[in-house]
Protein backbone atom coordinates (compact mmCIF):
# COMPACT_ATOMS: atom_id res chain seq x y z
CA MET A 1 53.09 2.08 17.24
CA GLU A 2 52.37 5.01 17.13
CA ASN A 3 52.36 4.92 13.38
CA HIS A 4 49.31 2.99 13.48
CA LEU A 5 46.64 4.51 16.00
CA ASN A 6 47.23 7.76 13.63
CA ARG A 7 46.04 5.02 10.13
CA ILE A 8 43.90 4.22 12.62
CA GLN A 9 42.85 8.15 13.85
CA SER A 10 42.54 9.43 9.86
CA GLN A 11 40.66 5.99 8.68
CA ASN A 12 37.72 6.97 11.10
CA THR A 13 38.32 10.97 10.65
CA ASN A 14 38.27 9.65 6.50
CA GLU A 15 34.78 7.84 6.96
CA GLY A 16 33.27 10.85 9.66
CA LYS A 17 32.95 13.03 6.37
CA THR A 18 31.81 10.03 3.78
CA ASN A 19 28.92 9.43 6.69
CA SER A 20 28.27 13.89 6.50
CA ILE A 21 28.97 13.45 2.90
CA ARG A 22 27.00 11.24 2.01
CA ASN A 23 23.73 12.52 4.94
CA GLN A 24 24.24 15.93 3.04
CA LYS A 25 23.09 14.43 -0.39
CA ILE A 26 20.69 12.20 1.10
CA ASN A 27 19.32 16.05 2.49
CA ARG A 28 19.42 17.97 -0.56
CA ALA A 29 17.63 14.60 -1.94
CA ALA A 30 14.81 15.20 0.70
CA TYR A 31 15.25 19.04 0.21
CA ILE A 32 14.43 18.44 -3.34
CA VAL A 33 11.05 16.03 -3.46
CA THR A 34 10.12 17.85 -0.55
CA LEU A 35 9.87 20.74 -2.60
CA VAL A 36 8.56 18.99 -5.73
CA LEU A 37 5.89 17.77 -4.35
CA SER A 38 4.48 20.84 -2.49
CA LEU A 39 4.28 22.77 -5.00
CA ILE A 40 2.12 19.80 -7.53
CA ALA A 41 0.17 19.57 -4.35
CA LEU A 42 0.20 23.70 -4.54
CA PHE A 43 -0.85 23.68 -9.03
CA THR A 44 -3.03 20.60 -8.07
CA VAL A 45 -5.55 22.90 -5.27
CA LEU A 46 -4.69 26.15 -8.37
CA THR A 47 -6.23 24.18 -11.50
CA GLY A 48 -9.37 24.18 -9.51
CA TYR A 49 -9.84 28.41 -10.00
CA LEU A 50 -9.52 27.91 -13.49
CA TYR A 51 -12.48 26.14 -14.56
CA PRO A 52 -16.21 27.16 -13.23
CA ALA A 53 -17.75 25.97 -10.47
CA GLN A 54 -19.82 22.74 -10.54
CA PRO A 55 -22.07 20.69 -8.62
CA ARG A 56 -20.76 18.26 -6.17
CA GLU A 57 -20.10 14.90 -7.76
CA THR A 58 -20.13 11.33 -5.88
CA ASP A 59 -15.97 11.28 -6.79
CA GLU A 60 -14.25 13.55 -5.78
CA GLY A 61 -12.30 13.56 -9.30
CA SER A 62 -8.32 12.44 -10.45
CA ALA A 63 -6.84 16.47 -9.46
CA ALA A 64 -7.45 15.40 -5.51
CA HIS A 65 -6.10 12.81 -5.44
CA ILE A 66 -3.42 14.18 -7.06
CA PHE A 67 -2.78 16.32 -4.38
CA GLN A 68 -3.95 13.92 -1.27
CA LEU A 69 -0.85 11.24 -3.03
CA SER A 70 1.29 14.61 -3.16
CA ILE A 71 0.68 14.98 0.67
CA ALA A 72 1.00 11.47 1.42
CA ALA A 73 3.89 10.77 -0.30
CA LEU A 74 5.58 14.54 1.68
CA PHE A 75 5.25 12.90 5.28
CA PRO A 76 8.11 10.22 4.42
CA THR A 77 9.72 12.36 2.96
CA LEU A 78 10.11 15.16 5.63
CA ILE A 79 11.03 12.22 7.56
CA VAL A 80 14.26 11.76 5.61
CA PHE A 81 14.93 15.34 5.50
CA LEU A 82 14.44 15.21 9.52
CA ALA A 83 17.03 12.76 10.02
CA SER A 84 19.82 13.12 7.58
CA ALA A 85 19.45 17.07 8.81
CA ASP A 86 22.81 18.17 10.14
CA TRP A 87 20.68 19.56 14.32
CA LYS A 88 24.70 21.05 15.04
CA HIS A 89 23.36 24.32 13.25
CA PRO A 90 19.20 23.91 13.71
CA ALA A 91 18.20 26.95 11.73
CA ARG A 92 20.78 26.56 8.69
CA SER A 93 18.72 22.95 8.98
CA ALA A 94 15.22 24.04 8.75
CA ARG A 95 15.51 26.92 6.54
CA PRO A 96 15.20 25.15 3.41
CA LEU A 97 11.93 24.24 4.40
CA LEU A 98 10.18 27.41 5.00
CA PHE A 99 9.63 27.06 1.12
CA PRO A 100 7.80 24.52 1.12
CA ALA A 101 5.76 24.88 4.48
CA ALA A 102 4.64 28.96 2.05
CA ALA A 103 3.58 26.85 -0.46
CA LEU A 104 1.54 23.80 1.58
CA THR A 105 0.41 26.87 3.26
CA ILE A 106 -0.86 28.67 -0.11
CA ALA A 107 -2.32 25.43 -1.46
CA PHE A 108 -4.21 24.66 2.16
CA ALA A 109 -5.97 28.12 1.73
CA ALA A 110 -6.61 28.15 -0.88
CA LEU A 111 -8.32 24.54 -0.99
CA PHE A 112 -10.30 25.74 2.14
CA TYR A 113 -11.58 28.58 0.28
CA LEU A 114 -11.84 26.61 -3.60
CA GLU A 115 -14.19 24.19 -0.81
CA HIS A 116 -16.42 26.06 1.20
CA TYR A 117 -17.44 29.83 -0.80
CA ARG A 118 -16.91 28.76 -4.03
């Protein structure tokens, strides 16, 4: 009987490790997608500085649509990242978001300058 209980406990422990590893993989993939989407948003805005200022058009252009789609896709990715994070260590879980947050801050600041002062 005792041997049977030990096997059940070891199976539960192995399942917990498997779930933990799966969550880590999901979290890592969500981080990579978050990073890529924030860099796409940043580089899309920065390409607006390569071209001389032009009069306003009725259509925003493809760069604006790419920026909007990358920002829209970022939210579900962030939700997956936050849902799969290990919240036993919140500082370690949130640290990977620093670079994407900085890239998005620069992107929105550059977009604001591009729209209002250029």
